[in-house]
Amino acid sequence: MADHSHEPDPDARVTAPMQEFGTREVAIGAAVTLIGVLLAYVLPALLV
């Protein structure tokens, strides 16, 4: 087994799902989702 004693305490790590996010990040995610839906579904429907 490898010796990982040089690594920091795993309980002290902060990973992405644990970090807080604000209204700005939610708005950006919603905008990206809306643009993706428009490009994937609405645009092809208009071209048919």
Protein backbone atom coordinates (compact mmCIF):
# COMPACT_ATOMS: atom_id res chain seq x y z
CA MET A 1 0.00 0.00 0.00
CA ALA A 2 1.28 3.48 -0.82
CA ASP A 3 2.28 5.86 1.92
CA HIS A 4 0.13 8.96 1.62
CA SER A 5 1.13 10.53 4.92
CA HIS A 6 2.32 13.67 3.11
CA GLU A 7 -1.22 14.43 1.93
CA PRO A 8 -3.31 16.93 3.90
CA ASP A 9 -6.11 15.82 6.18
CA PRO A 10 -8.92 14.63 3.86
CA ASP A 11 -11.54 15.97 6.28
CA ALA A 12 -10.10 19.47 5.82
CA ARG A 13 -10.49 19.42 2.04
CA VAL A 14 -13.25 21.42 0.38
CA THR A 15 -14.63 20.03 -2.86
CA ALA A 16 -16.89 21.73 -5.37
CA PRO A 17 -20.21 20.24 -4.19
CA MET A 18 -19.50 21.50 -0.68
CA GLN A 19 -18.78 25.10 -1.63
CA GLU A 20 -21.51 27.69 -1.38
CA PHE A 21 -22.72 29.49 -4.49
CA GLY A 22 -24.66 32.69 -4.88
CA THR A 23 -27.41 34.13 -6.99
CA ARG A 24 -24.92 35.19 -9.68
CA GLU A 25 -23.79 31.61 -10.26
CA VAL A 26 -27.40 30.41 -10.37
CA ALA A 27 -28.26 33.08 -12.95
CA ILE A 28 -25.26 32.15 -15.11
CA GLY A 29 -26.21 28.47 -14.95
CA ALA A 30 -29.81 29.24 -15.88
CA ALA A 31 -28.67 31.39 -18.82
CA VAL A 32 -26.33 28.68 -20.10
CA THR A 33 -29.09 26.09 -19.77
CA LEU A 34 -31.57 28.30 -21.62
CA ILE A 35 -29.12 28.92 -24.48
CA GLY A 36 -28.41 25.18 -24.67
CA VAL A 37 -32.11 24.31 -24.83
CA LEU A 38 -32.68 26.94 -27.51
CA LEU A 39 -29.83 25.61 -29.62
CA ALA A 40 -30.69 21.94 -29.12
CA TYR A 41 -34.48 22.01 -29.48
CA VAL A 42 -35.92 25.32 -30.65
CA LEU A 43 -33.50 26.11 -33.48
CA PRO A 44 -33.83 22.68 -35.14
CA ALA A 45 -37.63 22.88 -34.82
CA LEU A 46 -37.60 26.24 -36.61
CA LEU A 47 -35.47 24.85 -39.43
CA VAL A 48 -37.84 21.99 -40.21
